[in-house]
């Protein structure tokens, strides 16, 4: 088995607010292989986006990466200087954000913004950078790219702005692309176009992808492996077929039972009882236990470790203590 492209180990990120300390990312460990598409799924507010920002070292006050490690292609990202990190971020490691208008400068033409990113990461002049920017816009399917390159962000539709972000991200041919809810606020037709585009570009560039989403349909269609996140922690890991066919953690089963799927017959959708916990004062023991229909007395007292229950599959649940001990699937 080849060495993973990216490995995060026991990553902890906290938000130090006036109301208290938010345990946003609490001991997250994950890995992404070369050429692999991995999903990070969970409800809104569970820490998915903060995990992505931590991997990119884009956490800003009041947030702070407290501990852990992030190894990317042999480099420990958390030990790099900010100058060294800028050389990695946007180059070999790129990110597509969920809100283009937040991350595109409204006062700069889109071409200028892509050119700026290219010149930062590649040793080329402005003319060559502009040609590369134009090629990137054409590659992401923007019609009349030579005209659009002169537009300001407000002159573009939401789908076109998202394509501009993707063009900027792929302009330096990254080995890992992090896509954080890339289809948020887009209509269904545009969502499908954006996801097909990301899958196509990943194949052309032979790059890896971390897809952050709450849409399990996208996960089933575009990903190889899945990490399920709840209240700042990874609660299950597995390949996409195993997660959908045989979900192990009660939270994963609850997510699937509350989601429509053409591949599974569900007589009635079952919403997950209760609300996600406050991460300033999370519940003791397993953080899902107040909403879990399979909880035991132990669940409210002791936080379960991550049990390896099958090759490539694990779950953070006391239900699998015995299975992990004897090595049963």
C-alpha atoms as a PDB file:
ATOM      1  CA  UNK A   1       0.000   0.000   0.000  1.00  0.00           C
ATOM      2  CA  UNK A   2       1.487   3.351  -1.074  1.00  0.00           C
ATOM      3  CA  UNK A   3       2.045   6.132   1.406  1.00  0.00           C
ATOM      4  CA  UNK A   4      -0.972   8.521   1.645  1.00  0.00           C
ATOM      5  CA  UNK A   5      -0.732  11.921  -0.007  1.00  0.00           C
ATOM      6  CA  UNK A   6      -2.153  13.641   3.082  1.00  0.00           C
ATOM      7  CA  UNK A   7      -2.410  12.395   6.654  1.00  0.00           C
ATOM      8  CA  UNK A   8      -3.935  14.359   9.526  1.00  0.00           C
ATOM      9  CA  UNK A   9      -3.344  12.924  12.990  1.00  0.00           C
ATOM     10  CA  UNK A  10      -5.194  13.955  16.172  1.00  0.00           C
ATOM     11  CA  UNK A  11      -5.925  17.415  14.773  1.00  0.00           C
ATOM     12  CA  UNK A  12      -7.421  19.793  17.341  1.00  0.00           C
ATOM     13  CA  UNK A  13      -8.763  23.262  16.481  1.00  0.00           C
ATOM     14  CA  UNK A  14     -10.586  25.447  18.988  1.00  0.00           C
ATOM     15  CA  UNK A  15     -12.436  28.752  18.810  1.00  0.00           C
ATOM     16  CA  UNK A  16     -11.740  30.973  21.816  1.00  0.00           C
ATOM     17  CA  UNK A  17     -14.885  33.111  22.115  1.00  0.00           C
ATOM     18  CA  UNK A  18     -16.337  35.333  24.826  1.00  0.00           C
ATOM     19  CA  UNK A  19     -18.970  32.667  25.458  1.00  0.00           C
ATOM     20  CA  UNK A  20     -16.409  29.912  25.946  1.00  0.00           C
ATOM     21  CA  UNK A  21     -14.083  27.602  24.019  1.00  0.00           C
ATOM     22  CA  UNK A  22     -15.664  25.861  21.040  1.00  0.00           C
ATOM     23  CA  UNK A  23     -14.202  22.386  20.437  1.00  0.00           C
ATOM     24  CA  UNK A  24     -14.648  22.659  16.672  1.00  0.00           C
ATOM     25  CA  UNK A  25     -12.197  19.955  15.558  1.00  0.00           C
ATOM     26  CA  UNK A  26     -11.501  17.473  18.324  1.00  0.00           C
ATOM     27  CA  UNK A  27      -8.842  14.856  17.612  1.00  0.00           C
ATOM     28  CA  UNK A  28      -9.592  14.338  13.916  1.00  0.00           C
ATOM     29  CA  UNK A  29      -7.449  11.783  12.063  1.00  0.00           C
ATOM     30  CA  UNK A  30      -7.856  11.061   8.368  1.00  0.00           C
ATOM     31  CA  UNK A  31      -5.829  10.191   5.292  1.00  0.00           C
ATOM     32  CA  UNK A  32      -6.185  10.702   1.539  1.00  0.00           C
ATOM     33  CA  UNK A  33      -4.385   8.529  -0.985  1.00  0.00           C
ATOM     34  CA  UNK A  34      -2.892   9.501  -4.323  1.00  0.00           C
ATOM     35  CA  UNK A  35      -5.648   9.870  -6.923  1.00  0.00           C
ATOM     36  CA  UNK A  36      -8.358   9.161  -4.340  1.00  0.00           C
ATOM     37  CA  UNK A  37     -11.672  10.960  -3.826  1.00  0.00           C
ATOM     38  CA  UNK A  38     -12.601  11.096  -0.143  1.00  0.00           C
ATOM     39  CA  UNK A  39     -15.761  12.559   1.402  1.00  0.00           C
ATOM     40  CA  UNK A  40     -16.175  14.238   4.782  1.00  0.00           C
ATOM     41  CA  UNK A  41     -19.880  14.239   5.650  1.00  0.00           C
ATOM     42  CA  UNK A  42     -22.090  15.311   8.519  1.00  0.00           C
ATOM     43  CA  UNK A  43     -24.724  17.816   9.595  1.00  0.00           C
ATOM     44  CA  UNK A  44     -24.152  21.564   9.405  1.00  0.00           C
ATOM     45  CA  UNK A  45     -22.029  22.786  12.293  1.00  0.00           C
ATOM     46  CA  UNK A  46     -20.272  19.466  12.921  1.00  0.00           C
ATOM     47  CA  UNK A  47     -16.800  20.839  12.067  1.00  0.00           C
ATOM     48  CA  UNK A  48     -16.371  19.822   8.408  1.00  0.00           C
ATOM     49  CA  UNK A  49     -15.416  23.251   7.075  1.00  0.00           C
ATOM     50  CA  UNK A  50     -13.221  23.999  10.077  1.00  0.00           C
ATOM     51  CA  UNK A  51     -11.386  20.745   9.409  1.00  0.00           C
ATOM     52  CA  UNK A  52     -10.764  21.872   5.820  1.00  0.00           C
ATOM     53  CA  UNK A  53      -9.539  25.284   6.951  1.00  0.00           C
ATOM     54  CA  UNK A  54      -7.252  23.578   9.467  1.00  0.00           C
ATOM     55  CA  UNK A  55      -5.746  21.362   6.754  1.00  0.00           C
ATOM     56  CA  UNK A  56      -5.124  24.489   4.658  1.00  0.00           C
ATOM     57  CA  UNK A  57      -3.885  26.452   7.687  1.00  0.00           C
ATOM     58  CA  UNK A  58      -6.485  29.125   7.047  1.00  0.00           C
ATOM     59  CA  UNK A  59      -7.899  29.224  10.585  1.00  0.00           C
ATOM     60  CA  UNK A  60      -8.135  32.820  11.791  1.00  0.00           C
ATOM     61  CA  UNK A  61      -8.788  34.294  15.253  1.00  0.00           C
ATOM     62  CA  UNK A  62     -10.647  33.511  17.425  1.00  0.00           C
ATOM     63  CA  UNK A  63      -9.809  30.084  15.990  1.00  0.00           C
ATOM     64  CA  UNK A  64      -6.500  28.353  16.608  1.00  0.00           C
ATOM     65  CA  UNK A  65      -4.981  25.007  15.672  1.00  0.00           C
ATOM     66  CA  UNK A  66      -4.014  23.717  19.104  1.00  0.00           C
ATOM     67  CA  UNK A  67      -2.346  20.372  18.405  1.00  0.00           C
ATOM     68  CA  UNK A  68      -1.946  17.481  16.005  1.00  0.00           C
ATOM     69  CA  UNK A  69      -0.107  17.104  12.718  1.00  0.00           C
ATOM     70  CA  UNK A  70      -0.861  17.441   9.008  1.00  0.00           C
ATOM     71  CA  UNK A  71       1.575  15.697   6.678  1.00  0.00           C
ATOM     72  CA  UNK A  72       1.175  16.561   3.004  1.00  0.00           C
ATOM     73  CA  UNK A  73       3.413  14.840   0.468  1.00  0.00           C
ATOM     74  CA  UNK A  74       6.219  14.512   3.017  1.00  0.00           C
ATOM     75  CA  UNK A  75       5.925  18.008   4.526  1.00  0.00           C
ATOM     76  CA  UNK A  76       4.577  18.762   8.002  1.00  0.00           C
ATOM     77  CA  UNK A  77       2.280  21.676   7.163  1.00  0.00           C
ATOM     78  CA  UNK A  78       1.865  22.810  10.762  1.00  0.00           C
ATOM     79  CA  UNK A  79       5.610  23.332  11.151  1.00  0.00           C
ATOM     80  CA  UNK A  80       6.085  25.391   7.974  1.00  0.00           C
ATOM     81  CA  UNK A  81       6.598  29.137   8.131  1.00  0.00           C
ATOM     82  CA  UNK A  82       3.769  31.247   6.729  1.00  0.00           C
ATOM     83  CA  UNK A  83       5.911  32.022   3.669  1.00  0.00           C
ATOM     84  CA  UNK A  84       6.556  28.323   3.072  1.00  0.00           C
ATOM     85  CA  UNK A  85       2.874  27.546   3.580  1.00  0.00           C
ATOM     86  CA  UNK A  86       1.853  30.153   0.983  1.00  0.00           C
ATOM     87  CA  UNK A  87       4.026  28.318  -1.543  1.00  0.00           C
ATOM     88  CA  UNK A  88       2.054  25.112  -0.872  1.00  0.00           C
ATOM     89  CA  UNK A  89      -1.416  26.626  -0.461  1.00  0.00           C
ATOM     90  CA  UNK A  90      -2.948  27.418  -3.827  1.00  0.00           C
ATOM     91  CA  UNK A  91      -0.237  25.456  -5.589  1.00  0.00           C
ATOM     92  CA  UNK A  92       0.016  21.735  -4.867  1.00  0.00           C
ATOM     93  CA  UNK A  93      -2.784  22.054  -2.307  1.00  0.00           C
ATOM     94  CA  UNK A  94      -5.832  24.032  -3.430  1.00  0.00           C
ATOM     95  CA  UNK A  95      -9.333  24.668  -2.170  1.00  0.00           C
ATOM     96  CA  UNK A  96     -12.691  25.508  -3.732  1.00  0.00           C
ATOM     97  CA  UNK A  97     -14.817  27.415  -1.223  1.00  0.00           C
ATOM     98  CA  UNK A  98     -18.594  27.235  -0.884  1.00  0.00           C
ATOM     99  CA  UNK A  99     -19.270  30.957  -1.290  1.00  0.00           C
ATOM    100  CA  UNK A 100     -17.495  32.492  -4.317  1.00  0.00           C
ATOM    101  CA  UNK A 101     -18.523  36.063  -3.460  1.00  0.00           C
ATOM    102  CA  UNK A 102     -16.724  35.775  -0.134  1.00  0.00           C
ATOM    103  CA  UNK A 103     -13.453  34.642  -1.688  1.00  0.00           C
ATOM    104  CA  UNK A 104     -13.456  36.602  -4.950  1.00  0.00           C
ATOM    105  CA  UNK A 105     -12.332  40.217  -4.679  1.00  0.00           C
ATOM    106  CA  UNK A 106     -15.274  42.326  -5.926  1.00  0.00           C
ATOM    107  CA  UNK A 107     -12.908  45.143  -6.965  1.00  0.00           C
ATOM    108  CA  UNK A 108     -10.714  43.009  -9.238  1.00  0.00           C
ATOM    109  CA  UNK A 109     -11.493  41.479 -12.614  1.00  0.00           C
ATOM    110  CA  UNK A 110     -11.646  37.701 -12.448  1.00  0.00           C
ATOM    111  CA  UNK A 111      -8.720  37.397 -14.857  1.00  0.00           C
ATOM    112  CA  UNK A 112      -6.518  39.562 -12.632  1.00  0.00           C
ATOM    113  CA  UNK A 113      -7.305  37.339  -9.650  1.00  0.00           C
ATOM    114  CA  UNK A 114      -6.395  34.130 -11.488  1.00  0.00           C
ATOM    115  CA  UNK A 115      -3.240  35.723 -12.942  1.00  0.00           C
ATOM    116  CA  UNK A 116      -2.192  36.823  -9.446  1.00  0.00           C
ATOM    117  CA  UNK A 117      -2.540  33.239  -8.155  1.00  0.00           C
ATOM    118  CA  UNK A 118      -0.590  31.820 -11.111  1.00  0.00           C
ATOM    119  CA  UNK A 119       2.291  34.282 -10.750  1.00  0.00           C
ATOM    120  CA  UNK A 120       2.484  33.522  -7.037  1.00  0.00           C
ATOM    121  CA  UNK A 121       3.011  29.793  -7.624  1.00  0.00           C
ATOM    122  CA  UNK A 122       4.666  29.596 -11.028  1.00  0.00           C
ATOM    123  CA  UNK A 123       7.753  31.297 -12.381  1.00  0.00           C
ATOM    124  CA  UNK A 124       6.067  32.968 -15.338  1.00  0.00           C
ATOM    125  CA  UNK A 125       5.565  36.520 -16.531  1.00  0.00           C
ATOM    126  CA  UNK A 126       2.242  38.328 -16.702  1.00  0.00           C
ATOM    127  CA  UNK A 127       1.637  37.468 -20.379  1.00  0.00           C
ATOM    128  CA  UNK A 128       2.182  33.743 -19.826  1.00  0.00           C
ATOM    129  CA  UNK A 129       0.101  33.874 -16.642  1.00  0.00           C
ATOM    130  CA  UNK A 130      -2.754  35.482 -18.561  1.00  0.00           C
ATOM    131  CA  UNK A 131      -2.607  32.745 -21.216  1.00  0.00           C
ATOM    132  CA  UNK A 132      -2.698  30.127 -18.468  1.00  0.00           C
ATOM    133  CA  UNK A 133      -5.643  31.878 -16.812  1.00  0.00           C
ATOM    134  CA  UNK A 134      -7.527  31.932 -20.104  1.00  0.00           C
ATOM    135  CA  UNK A 135      -6.833  28.217 -20.620  1.00  0.00           C
ATOM    136  CA  UNK A 136      -8.080  27.475 -17.080  1.00  0.00           C
ATOM    137  CA  UNK A 137     -11.335  29.358 -17.722  1.00  0.00           C
ATOM    138  CA  UNK A 138     -11.834  27.466 -20.982  1.00  0.00           C
ATOM    139  CA  UNK A 139     -11.040  24.200 -19.216  1.00  0.00           C
ATOM    140  CA  UNK A 140     -13.815  24.700 -16.692  1.00  0.00           C
ATOM    141  CA  UNK A 141     -16.320  25.259 -19.488  1.00  0.00           C
ATOM    142  CA  UNK A 142     -16.777  29.024 -19.381  1.00  0.00           C
ATOM    143  CA  UNK A 143     -18.055  30.207 -22.764  1.00  0.00           C
ATOM    144  CA  UNK A 144     -16.424  33.277 -24.339  1.00  0.00           C
ATOM    145  CA  UNK A 145     -13.591  33.026 -21.802  1.00  0.00           C
ATOM    146  CA  UNK A 146     -11.677  35.843 -23.507  1.00  0.00           C
ATOM    147  CA  UNK A 147     -14.575  38.154 -22.646  1.00  0.00           C
ATOM    148  CA  UNK A 148     -15.360  36.747 -19.195  1.00  0.00           C
ATOM    149  CA  UNK A 149     -11.729  37.187 -18.112  1.00  0.00           C
ATOM    150  CA  UNK A 150     -12.387  40.947 -18.101  1.00  0.00           C
ATOM    151  CA  UNK A 151     -15.555  40.715 -15.984  1.00  0.00           C
ATOM    152  CA  UNK A 152     -15.918  41.596 -12.328  1.00  0.00           C
ATOM    153  CA  UNK A 153     -17.428  38.884 -10.064  1.00  0.00           C
ATOM    154  CA  UNK A 154     -20.806  40.660  -9.769  1.00  0.00           C
ATOM    155  CA  UNK A 155     -21.252  40.378 -13.530  1.00  0.00           C
ATOM    156  CA  UNK A 156     -21.339  36.572 -13.336  1.00  0.00           C
ATOM    157  CA  UNK A 157     -24.000  34.106 -12.211  1.00  0.00           C
ATOM    158  CA  UNK A 158     -23.465  31.928  -9.152  1.00  0.00           C
ATOM    159  CA  UNK A 159     -22.539  28.921 -11.272  1.00  0.00           C
ATOM    160  CA  UNK A 160     -20.071  30.976 -13.329  1.00  0.00           C
ATOM    161  CA  UNK A 161     -18.454  32.398 -10.192  1.00  0.00           C
ATOM    162  CA  UNK A 162     -18.024  28.871  -8.859  1.00  0.00           C
ATOM    163  CA  UNK A 163     -16.343  27.901 -12.135  1.00  0.00           C
ATOM    164  CA  UNK A 164     -13.993  30.858 -11.763  1.00  0.00           C
ATOM    165  CA  UNK A 165     -13.013  29.615  -8.288  1.00  0.00           C
ATOM    166  CA  UNK A 166     -12.381  26.154  -9.715  1.00  0.00           C
ATOM    167  CA  UNK A 167     -10.317  27.649 -12.555  1.00  0.00           C
ATOM    168  CA  UNK A 168      -8.230  29.506  -9.999  1.00  0.00           C
ATOM    169  CA  UNK A 169      -7.784  26.339  -7.949  1.00  0.00           C
ATOM    170  CA  UNK A 170      -6.665  24.158 -10.882  1.00  0.00           C
ATOM    171  CA  UNK A 171      -4.485  26.784 -12.567  1.00  0.00           C
ATOM    172  CA  UNK A 172      -1.400  25.455 -10.757  1.00  0.00           C
ATOM    173  CA  UNK A 173      -2.369  21.786 -11.267  1.00  0.00           C
ATOM    174  CA  UNK A 174      -2.746  20.814  -7.579  1.00  0.00           C
ATOM    175  CA  UNK A 175      -2.149  17.277  -6.376  1.00  0.00           C
ATOM    176  CA  UNK A 176      -4.954  17.664  -3.811  1.00  0.00           C
ATOM    177  CA  UNK A 177      -8.124  19.677  -4.275  1.00  0.00           C
ATOM    178  CA  UNK A 178     -10.346  20.363  -1.256  1.00  0.00           C
ATOM    179  CA  UNK A 179     -13.925  21.162  -2.312  1.00  0.00           C
ATOM    180  CA  UNK A 180     -15.942  22.620   0.568  1.00  0.00           C
ATOM    181  CA  UNK A 181     -19.663  22.339  -0.243  1.00  0.00           C
ATOM    182  CA  UNK A 182     -18.938  23.380  -3.858  1.00  0.00           C
ATOM    183  CA  UNK A 183     -22.605  23.229  -4.912  1.00  0.00           C
ATOM    184  CA  UNK A 184     -24.130  25.279  -2.079  1.00  0.00           C
ATOM    185  CA  UNK A 185     -26.825  27.763  -3.213  1.00  0.00           C
ATOM    186  CA  UNK A 186     -26.751  26.472  -6.806  1.00  0.00           C
ATOM    187  CA  UNK A 187     -29.790  25.014  -8.530  1.00  0.00           C
ATOM    188  CA  UNK A 188     -29.893  21.264  -9.172  1.00  0.00           C
ATOM    189  CA  UNK A 189     -28.838  21.473 -12.829  1.00  0.00           C
ATOM    190  CA  UNK A 190     -25.806  23.646 -12.056  1.00  0.00           C
ATOM    191  CA  UNK A 191     -24.913  21.416  -9.094  1.00  0.00           C
ATOM    192  CA  UNK A 192     -24.672  18.423 -11.419  1.00  0.00           C
ATOM    193  CA  UNK A 193     -22.548  20.391 -13.895  1.00  0.00           C
ATOM    194  CA  UNK A 194     -20.108  21.516 -11.187  1.00  0.00           C
ATOM    195  CA  UNK A 195     -19.681  18.005  -9.778  1.00  0.00           C
ATOM    196  CA  UNK A 196     -19.166  16.476 -13.219  1.00  0.00           C
ATOM    197  CA  UNK A 197     -16.609  19.193 -13.906  1.00  0.00           C
ATOM    198  CA  UNK A 198     -14.709  18.471 -10.676  1.00  0.00           C
ATOM    199  CA  UNK A 199     -14.688  14.734 -11.435  1.00  0.00           C
ATOM    200  CA  UNK A 200     -13.469  15.384 -14.995  1.00  0.00           C
ATOM    201  CA  UNK A 201     -10.693  17.726 -13.870  1.00  0.00           C
ATOM    202  CA  UNK A 202      -9.586  15.325 -11.144  1.00  0.00           C
ATOM    203  CA  UNK A 203      -9.140  12.648 -13.801  1.00  0.00           C
ATOM    204  CA  UNK A 204      -7.289  14.964 -16.187  1.00  0.00           C
ATOM    205  CA  UNK A 205      -4.918  16.205 -13.480  1.00  0.00           C
ATOM    206  CA  UNK A 206      -4.552  12.809 -11.741  1.00  0.00           C
ATOM    207  CA  UNK A 207      -5.209  14.654  -8.498  1.00  0.00           C
ATOM    208  CA  UNK A 208      -6.855  13.664  -5.230  1.00  0.00           C
ATOM    209  CA  UNK A 209      -9.993  15.311  -3.835  1.00  0.00           C
ATOM    210  CA  UNK A 210     -11.505  15.867  -0.415  1.00  0.00           C
ATOM    211  CA  UNK A 211     -15.215  16.593  -0.882  1.00  0.00           C
ATOM    212  CA  UNK A 212     -16.889  18.216   2.107  1.00  0.00           C
ATOM    213  CA  UNK A 213     -20.644  17.889   1.907  1.00  0.00           C
ATOM    214  CA  UNK A 214     -23.898  16.938   3.613  1.00  0.00           C
ATOM    215  CA  UNK A 215     -25.271  15.574   0.329  1.00  0.00           C
ATOM    216  CA  UNK A 216     -24.966  11.794   0.503  1.00  0.00           C
ATOM    217  CA  UNK A 217     -26.031  11.476  -3.132  1.00  0.00           C
ATOM    218  CA  UNK A 218     -22.852  13.274  -4.243  1.00  0.00           C
ATOM    219  CA  UNK A 219     -20.794  11.019  -1.993  1.00  0.00           C
ATOM    220  CA  UNK A 220     -22.251   7.850  -3.517  1.00  0.00           C
ATOM    221  CA  UNK A 221     -21.574   9.033  -7.064  1.00  0.00           C
ATOM    222  CA  UNK A 222     -18.178  10.702  -6.819  1.00  0.00           C
ATOM    223  CA  UNK A 223     -16.198   9.338  -3.859  1.00  0.00           C
ATOM    224  CA  UNK A 224     -14.138   6.255  -2.998  1.00  0.00           C
ATOM    225  CA  UNK A 225     -14.064   6.502   0.798  1.00  0.00           C
ATOM    226  CA  UNK A 226     -16.058   8.341   3.452  1.00  0.00           C
ATOM    227  CA  UNK A 227     -15.413   9.903   6.849  1.00  0.00           C
ATOM    228  CA  UNK A 228     -18.546  10.639   8.889  1.00  0.00           C
ATOM    229  CA  UNK A 229     -18.199  13.546  11.314  1.00  0.00           C
ATOM    230  CA  UNK A 230     -20.322  14.433  14.312  1.00  0.00           C
ATOM    231  CA  UNK A 231     -19.764  17.212  16.870  1.00  0.00           C
ATOM    232  CA  UNK A 232     -16.123  17.772  15.970  1.00  0.00           C
ATOM    233  CA  UNK A 233     -15.117  14.099  15.833  1.00  0.00           C
ATOM    234  CA  UNK A 234     -14.852  11.417  13.156  1.00  0.00           C
ATOM    235  CA  UNK A 235     -17.335   8.704  14.174  1.00  0.00           C
ATOM    236  CA  UNK A 236     -17.021   6.328  11.199  1.00  0.00           C
ATOM    237  CA  UNK A 237     -14.708   5.584   8.296  1.00  0.00           C
ATOM    238  CA  UNK A 238     -15.203   3.183   5.408  1.00  0.00           C
ATOM    239  CA  UNK A 239     -15.302   2.752   1.665  1.00  0.00           C
ATOM    240  CA  UNK A 240     -18.327   4.226  -0.043  1.00  0.00           C
ATOM    241  CA  UNK A 241     -19.939   0.835  -0.732  1.00  0.00           C
ATOM    242  CA  UNK A 242     -19.592  -0.322   2.868  1.00  0.00           C
ATOM    243  CA  UNK A 243     -20.896   2.947   4.305  1.00  0.00           C
ATOM    244  CA  UNK A 244     -24.073   2.777   2.245  1.00  0.00           C
ATOM    245  CA  UNK A 245     -24.627  -0.992   2.358  1.00  0.00           C
ATOM    246  CA  UNK A 246     -23.596  -1.620   5.963  1.00  0.00           C
ATOM    247  CA  UNK A 247     -23.326   1.585   8.022  1.00  0.00           C
ATOM    248  CA  UNK A 248     -21.804   0.817  11.426  1.00  0.00           C
ATOM    249  CA  UNK A 249     -22.268   3.887  13.594  1.00  0.00           C
ATOM    250  CA  UNK A 250     -25.816   4.729  14.771  1.00  0.00           C
ATOM    251  CA  UNK A 251     -25.317   8.294  13.547  1.00  0.00           C
ATOM    252  CA  UNK A 252     -24.434   7.094  10.032  1.00  0.00           C
ATOM    253  CA  UNK A 253     -27.511   4.863  10.013  1.00  0.00           C
ATOM    254  CA  UNK A 254     -29.626   7.794  11.165  1.00  0.00           C
ATOM    255  CA  UNK A 255     -28.228  10.029   8.415  1.00  0.00           C
ATOM    256  CA  UNK A 256     -29.030   7.460   5.750  1.00  0.00           C
ATOM    257  CA  UNK A 257     -32.517   6.843   7.147  1.00  0.00           C
ATOM    258  CA  UNK A 258     -33.276  10.557   6.920  1.00  0.00           C
ATOM    259  CA  UNK A 259     -32.130  10.848   3.289  1.00  0.00           C
ATOM    260  CA  UNK A 260     -33.924   9.882   0.098  1.00  0.00           C
ATOM    261  CA  UNK A 261     -32.020   7.468  -2.142  1.00  0.00           C
ATOM    262  CA  UNK A 262     -32.936   5.834  -5.470  1.00  0.00           C
ATOM    263  CA  UNK A 263     -30.910   2.773  -4.447  1.00  0.00           C
ATOM    264  CA  UNK A 264     -32.752   2.054  -1.192  1.00  0.00           C
ATOM    265  CA  UNK A 265     -36.476   1.693  -0.582  1.00  0.00           C
ATOM    266  CA  UNK A 266     -37.503   3.717   2.434  1.00  0.00           C
ATOM    267  CA  UNK A 267     -41.158   3.594   3.390  1.00  0.00           C
ATOM    268  CA  UNK A 268     -40.862   6.646   5.615  1.00  0.00           C
ATOM    269  CA  UNK A 269     -38.035   9.099   6.240  1.00  0.00           C
ATOM    270  CA  UNK A 270     -36.918   9.063   9.875  1.00  0.00           C
ATOM    271  CA  UNK A 271     -35.576  12.400  11.131  1.00  0.00           C
ATOM    272  CA  UNK A 272     -32.780  12.366  13.706  1.00  0.00           C
ATOM    273  CA  UNK A 273     -34.230  13.225  17.100  1.00  0.00           C
ATOM    274  CA  UNK A 274     -32.945  16.297  18.918  1.00  0.00           C
ATOM    275  CA  UNK A 275     -30.308  18.820  17.891  1.00  0.00           C
ATOM    276  CA  UNK A 276     -26.504  18.689  17.519  1.00  0.00           C
ATOM    277  CA  UNK A 277     -24.770  19.538  20.803  1.00  0.00           C
ATOM    278  CA  UNK A 278     -23.268  22.845  21.839  1.00  0.00           C
ATOM    279  CA  UNK A 279     -19.530  22.391  21.255  1.00  0.00           C
ATOM    280  CA  UNK A 280     -18.689  24.753  24.106  1.00  0.00           C
ATOM    281  CA  UNK A 281     -20.273  22.290  26.540  1.00  0.00           C
ATOM    282  CA  UNK A 282     -20.561  18.975  24.658  1.00  0.00           C
ATOM    283  CA  UNK A 283     -22.262  16.078  26.458  1.00  0.00           C
ATOM    284  CA  UNK A 284     -20.062  13.619  28.355  1.00  0.00           C
ATOM    285  CA  UNK A 285     -19.308  10.204  26.927  1.00  0.00           C
ATOM    286  CA  UNK A 286     -20.314   9.662  23.318  1.00  0.00           C
ATOM    287  CA  UNK A 287     -21.424  13.013  21.921  1.00  0.00           C
ATOM    288  CA  UNK A 288     -24.221  11.377  19.945  1.00  0.00           C
ATOM    289  CA  UNK A 289     -25.742   9.515  22.899  1.00  0.00           C
ATOM    290  CA  UNK A 290     -28.515  12.076  23.684  1.00  0.00           C
ATOM    291  CA  UNK A 291     -29.945  11.495  20.174  1.00  0.00           C
ATOM    292  CA  UNK A 292     -29.046   7.816  19.758  1.00  0.00           C
ATOM    293  CA  UNK A 293     -31.748   5.154  19.695  1.00  0.00           C
ATOM    294  CA  UNK A 294     -29.200   2.433  20.490  1.00  0.00           C
ATOM    295  CA  UNK A 295     -27.541   4.081  23.490  1.00  0.00           C
ATOM    296  CA  UNK A 296     -26.514   2.140  26.576  1.00  0.00           C
ATOM    297  CA  UNK A 297     -25.771   3.397  30.087  1.00  0.00           C
ATOM    298  CA  UNK A 298     -22.049   3.374  29.328  1.00  0.00           C
ATOM    299  CA  UNK A 299     -22.491   5.766  26.386  1.00  0.00           C
ATOM    300  CA  UNK A 300     -23.259   8.734  28.644  1.00  0.00           C
ATOM    301  CA  UNK A 301     -20.246   8.072  30.870  1.00  0.00           C
ATOM    302  CA  UNK A 302     -17.302   7.063  28.672  1.00  0.00           C
ATOM    303  CA  UNK A 303     -16.274   8.393  25.284  1.00  0.00           C
ATOM    304  CA  UNK A 304     -15.683   5.383  23.013  1.00  0.00           C
ATOM    305  CA  UNK A 305     -12.359   5.010  21.217  1.00  0.00           C
ATOM    306  CA  UNK A 306     -12.173   4.405  17.481  1.00  0.00           C
ATOM    307  CA  UNK A 307     -12.637   0.654  16.936  1.00  0.00           C
ATOM    308  CA  UNK A 308     -11.166  -1.022  13.839  1.00  0.00           C
ATOM    309  CA  UNK A 309     -13.925  -3.462  12.920  1.00  0.00           C
ATOM    310  CA  UNK A 310     -12.999  -4.526   9.373  1.00  0.00           C
ATOM    311  CA  UNK A 311     -10.221  -3.779   6.854  1.00  0.00           C
ATOM    312  CA  UNK A 312     -10.509  -0.068   6.085  1.00  0.00           C
ATOM    313  CA  UNK A 313     -13.563   0.341   8.324  1.00  0.00           C
ATOM    314  CA  UNK A 314     -13.834   1.760  11.823  1.00  0.00           C
ATOM    315  CA  UNK A 315     -16.451   3.255  14.129  1.00  0.00           C
ATOM    316  CA  UNK A 316     -16.346   5.259  17.344  1.00  0.00           C
ATOM    317  CA  UNK A 317     -19.066   3.303  19.157  1.00  0.00           C
ATOM    318  CA  UNK A 318     -19.215   0.924  22.123  1.00  0.00           C
ATOM    319  CA  UNK A 319     -21.351  -1.466  20.053  1.00  0.00           C
ATOM    320  CA  UNK A 320     -18.158  -2.654  18.334  1.00  0.00           C
ATOM    321  CA  UNK A 321     -15.885  -3.199  21.315  1.00  0.00           C
ATOM    322  CA  UNK A 322     -16.227  -6.982  21.183  1.00  0.00           C
ATOM    323  CA  UNK A 323     -16.072  -7.138  17.380  1.00  0.00           C
ATOM    324  CA  UNK A 324     -12.830  -5.148  17.412  1.00  0.00           C
ATOM    325  CA  UNK A 325     -11.358  -7.382  20.115  1.00  0.00           C
ATOM    326  CA  UNK A 326     -11.899 -10.612  18.183  1.00  0.00           C
ATOM    327  CA  UNK A 327     -11.328  -9.090  14.750  1.00  0.00           C
ATOM    328  CA  UNK A 328     -14.801  -9.931  13.467  1.00  0.00           C
ATOM    329  CA  UNK A 329     -16.241  -8.002  10.510  1.00  0.00           C
END
